[in-house]
Amino acid sequence: MKSTACAWRQLLFHLALCDADEQASVLTWIDARAARLPARAAARIARPLADLRQAAAVR
């Protein structure tokens, strides 16, 4: 859990440094990676990824 929280904070920091096009590219990459996950894992991260996309859109 601690590693996940650290990785999440690093991702948010990285996205904060990106311009809108770079953010879109990163989010597209994340979606492609998530699509290759087993269904159970993809379901578990679907909501956090939706929140991430929403937060990036607000910027």
N, C-alpha and C. Protein backbone atom coordinates (compact mmCIF):
# COMPACT_ATOMS: atom_id res chain seq x y z
N MET A 1 0.82 -1.18 0.00
CA MET A 1 0.00 0.00 0.00
C MET A 1 0.87 1.25 0.00
N LYS A 2 1.94 1.23 0.78
CA LYS A 2 2.83 2.39 0.85
C LYS A 2 3.47 2.65 -0.51
N SER A 3 3.88 1.61 -1.20
CA SER A 3 4.49 1.76 -2.52
C SER A 3 3.50 2.33 -3.52
N THR A 4 2.26 1.90 -3.43
CA THR A 4 1.23 2.39 -4.33
C THR A 4 0.99 3.88 -4.12
N ALA A 5 0.93 4.29 -2.87
CA ALA A 5 0.71 5.71 -2.55
C ALA A 5 1.87 6.56 -3.07
N CYS A 6 3.08 6.07 -2.92
CA CYS A 6 4.26 6.79 -3.41
C CYS A 6 4.23 6.90 -4.93
N ALA A 7 3.89 5.82 -5.60
CA ALA A 7 3.82 5.83 -7.06
C ALA A 7 2.73 6.79 -7.55
N TRP A 8 1.61 6.81 -6.85
CA TRP A 8 0.51 7.69 -7.22
C TRP A 8 0.94 9.15 -7.10
N ARG A 9 1.61 9.50 -6.00
CA ARG A 9 2.08 10.88 -5.81
C ARG A 9 3.08 11.26 -6.90
N GLN A 10 3.96 10.34 -7.25
CA GLN A 10 4.94 10.62 -8.31
C GLN A 10 4.24 10.85 -9.65
N LEU A 11 3.21 10.07 -9.92
CA LEU A 11 2.45 10.25 -11.16
C LEU A 11 1.78 11.61 -11.19
N LEU A 12 1.16 12.00 -10.09
CA LEU A 12 0.50 13.31 -10.03
C LEU A 12 1.52 14.43 -10.21
N PHE A 13 2.68 14.31 -9.59
CA PHE A 13 3.73 15.31 -9.73
C PHE A 13 4.18 15.40 -11.18
N HIS A 14 4.39 14.26 -11.81
CA HIS A 14 4.81 14.22 -13.21
C HIS A 14 3.77 14.91 -14.10
N LEU A 15 2.51 14.59 -13.90
CA LEU A 15 1.46 15.20 -14.73
C LEU A 15 1.38 16.70 -14.50
N ALA A 16 1.66 17.15 -13.29
CA ALA A 16 1.61 18.58 -13.00
C ALA A 16 2.69 19.34 -13.77
N LEU A 17 3.77 18.67 -14.11
CA LEU A 17 4.86 19.30 -14.85
C LEU A 17 4.65 19.28 -16.36
N CYS A 18 3.68 18.51 -16.82
CA CYS A 18 3.44 18.36 -18.25
C CYS A 18 2.47 19.42 -18.76
N ASP A 19 2.63 19.76 -20.04
CA ASP A 19 1.61 20.61 -20.66
C ASP A 19 0.43 19.72 -21.05
N ALA A 20 -0.63 20.31 -21.57
CA ALA A 20 -1.86 19.57 -21.87
C ALA A 20 -1.64 18.43 -22.86
N ASP A 21 -0.83 18.65 -23.89
CA ASP A 21 -0.57 17.60 -24.88
C ASP A 21 0.19 16.43 -24.25
N GLU A 22 1.18 16.74 -23.43
CA GLU A 22 1.94 15.69 -22.76
C GLU A 22 1.05 14.91 -21.78
N GLN A 23 0.19 15.62 -21.07
CA GLN A 23 -0.73 14.95 -20.16
C GLN A 23 -1.63 13.99 -20.94
N ALA A 24 -2.15 14.43 -22.06
CA ALA A 24 -3.01 13.57 -22.88
C ALA A 24 -2.24 12.34 -23.35
N SER A 25 -0.99 12.52 -23.72
CA SER A 25 -0.17 11.40 -24.16
C SER A 25 0.06 10.40 -23.02
N VAL A 26 0.37 10.91 -21.85
CA VAL A 26 0.59 10.04 -20.69
C VAL A 26 -0.69 9.29 -20.34
N LEU A 27 -1.81 9.98 -20.33
CA LEU A 27 -3.08 9.33 -20.00
C LEU A 27 -3.46 8.28 -21.03
N THR A 28 -3.16 8.53 -22.29
CA THR A 28 -3.39 7.54 -23.34
C THR A 28 -2.53 6.31 -23.11
N TRP A 29 -1.27 6.53 -22.74
CA TRP A 29 -0.36 5.42 -22.45
C TRP A 29 -0.88 4.61 -21.26
N ILE A 30 -1.32 5.30 -20.21
CA ILE A 30 -1.85 4.62 -19.03
C ILE A 30 -3.07 3.78 -19.41
N ASP A 31 -3.96 4.35 -20.21
CA ASP A 31 -5.15 3.60 -20.65
C ASP A 31 -4.76 2.35 -21.43
N ALA A 32 -3.76 2.47 -22.29
CA ALA A 32 -3.31 1.31 -23.08
C ALA A 32 -2.74 0.23 -22.17
N ARG A 33 -1.98 0.64 -21.17
CA ARG A 33 -1.42 -0.33 -20.22
C ARG A 33 -2.53 -0.98 -19.40
N ALA A 34 -3.50 -0.18 -18.96
CA ALA A 34 -4.60 -0.72 -18.16
C ALA A 34 -5.44 -1.70 -18.96
N ALA A 35 -5.56 -1.48 -20.26
CA ALA A 35 -6.34 -2.37 -21.11
C ALA A 35 -5.73 -3.76 -21.19
N ARG A 36 -4.44 -3.88 -20.92
CA ARG A 36 -3.77 -5.18 -20.98
C ARG A 36 -3.82 -5.92 -19.65
N LEU A 37 -4.37 -5.30 -18.62
CA LEU A 37 -4.46 -5.94 -17.32
C LEU A 37 -5.59 -6.96 -17.30
N PRO A 38 -5.49 -7.92 -16.39
CA PRO A 38 -6.64 -8.82 -16.21
C PRO A 38 -7.87 -8.01 -15.79
N ALA A 39 -9.04 -8.52 -16.10
CA ALA A 39 -10.29 -7.79 -15.87
C ALA A 39 -10.43 -7.35 -14.41
N ARG A 40 -10.07 -8.20 -13.48
CA ARG A 40 -10.21 -7.85 -12.06
C ARG A 40 -9.32 -6.66 -11.69
N ALA A 41 -8.10 -6.66 -12.16
CA ALA A 41 -7.18 -5.56 -11.87
C ALA A 41 -7.65 -4.28 -12.55
N ALA A 42 -8.10 -4.40 -13.78
CA ALA A 42 -8.58 -3.23 -14.52
C ALA A 42 -9.79 -2.61 -13.81
N ALA A 43 -10.66 -3.46 -13.28
CA ALA A 43 -11.84 -2.96 -12.57
C ALA A 43 -11.44 -2.21 -11.30
N ARG A 44 -10.40 -2.69 -10.64
CA ARG A 44 -9.96 -2.05 -9.39
C ARG A 44 -9.36 -0.67 -9.62
N ILE A 45 -8.74 -0.47 -10.77
CA ILE A 45 -8.10 0.84 -11.00
C ILE A 45 -8.93 1.76 -11.89
N ALA A 46 -10.07 1.28 -12.35
CA ALA A 46 -10.90 2.09 -13.25
C ALA A 46 -11.31 3.42 -12.61
N ARG A 47 -11.79 3.38 -11.39
CA ARG A 47 -12.25 4.61 -10.74
C ARG A 47 -11.10 5.59 -10.48
N PRO A 48 -9.96 5.14 -9.92
CA PRO A 48 -8.85 6.09 -9.74
C PRO A 48 -8.37 6.69 -11.06
N LEU A 49 -8.37 5.91 -12.13
CA LEU A 49 -7.94 6.45 -13.42
C LEU A 49 -8.96 7.46 -13.96
N ALA A 50 -10.23 7.22 -13.72
CA ALA A 50 -11.26 8.18 -14.13
C ALA A 50 -11.07 9.49 -13.35
N ASP A 51 -10.78 9.37 -12.07
CA ASP A 51 -10.53 10.57 -11.25
C ASP A 51 -9.28 11.30 -11.74
N LEU A 52 -8.28 10.56 -12.14
CA LEU A 52 -7.05 11.16 -12.65
C LEU A 52 -7.32 11.93 -13.93
N ARG A 53 -8.08 11.33 -14.84
CA ARG A 53 -8.44 12.03 -16.09
C ARG A 53 -9.25 13.29 -15.80
N GLN A 54 -10.16 13.21 -14.84
CA GLN A 54 -10.97 14.37 -14.48
C GLN A 54 -10.08 15.47 -13.89
N ALA A 55 -9.15 15.11 -13.03
CA ALA A 55 -8.26 16.10 -12.43
C ALA A 55 -7.38 16.75 -13.50
N ALA A 56 -6.92 15.97 -14.47
CA ALA A 56 -6.09 16.53 -15.54
C ALA A 56 -6.90 17.46 -16.42
N ALA A 57 -8.17 17.19 -16.59
CA ALA A 57 -9.03 18.03 -17.43
C ALA A 57 -9.32 19.38 -16.78
N VAL A 58 -9.34 19.42 -15.46
CA VAL A 58 -9.64 20.65 -14.72
C VAL A 58 -8.53 21.67 -14.89
N ARG A 59 -7.34 21.19 -15.01
CA ARG A 59 -6.18 22.05 -15.11
C ARG A 59 -6.36 22.95 -16.28
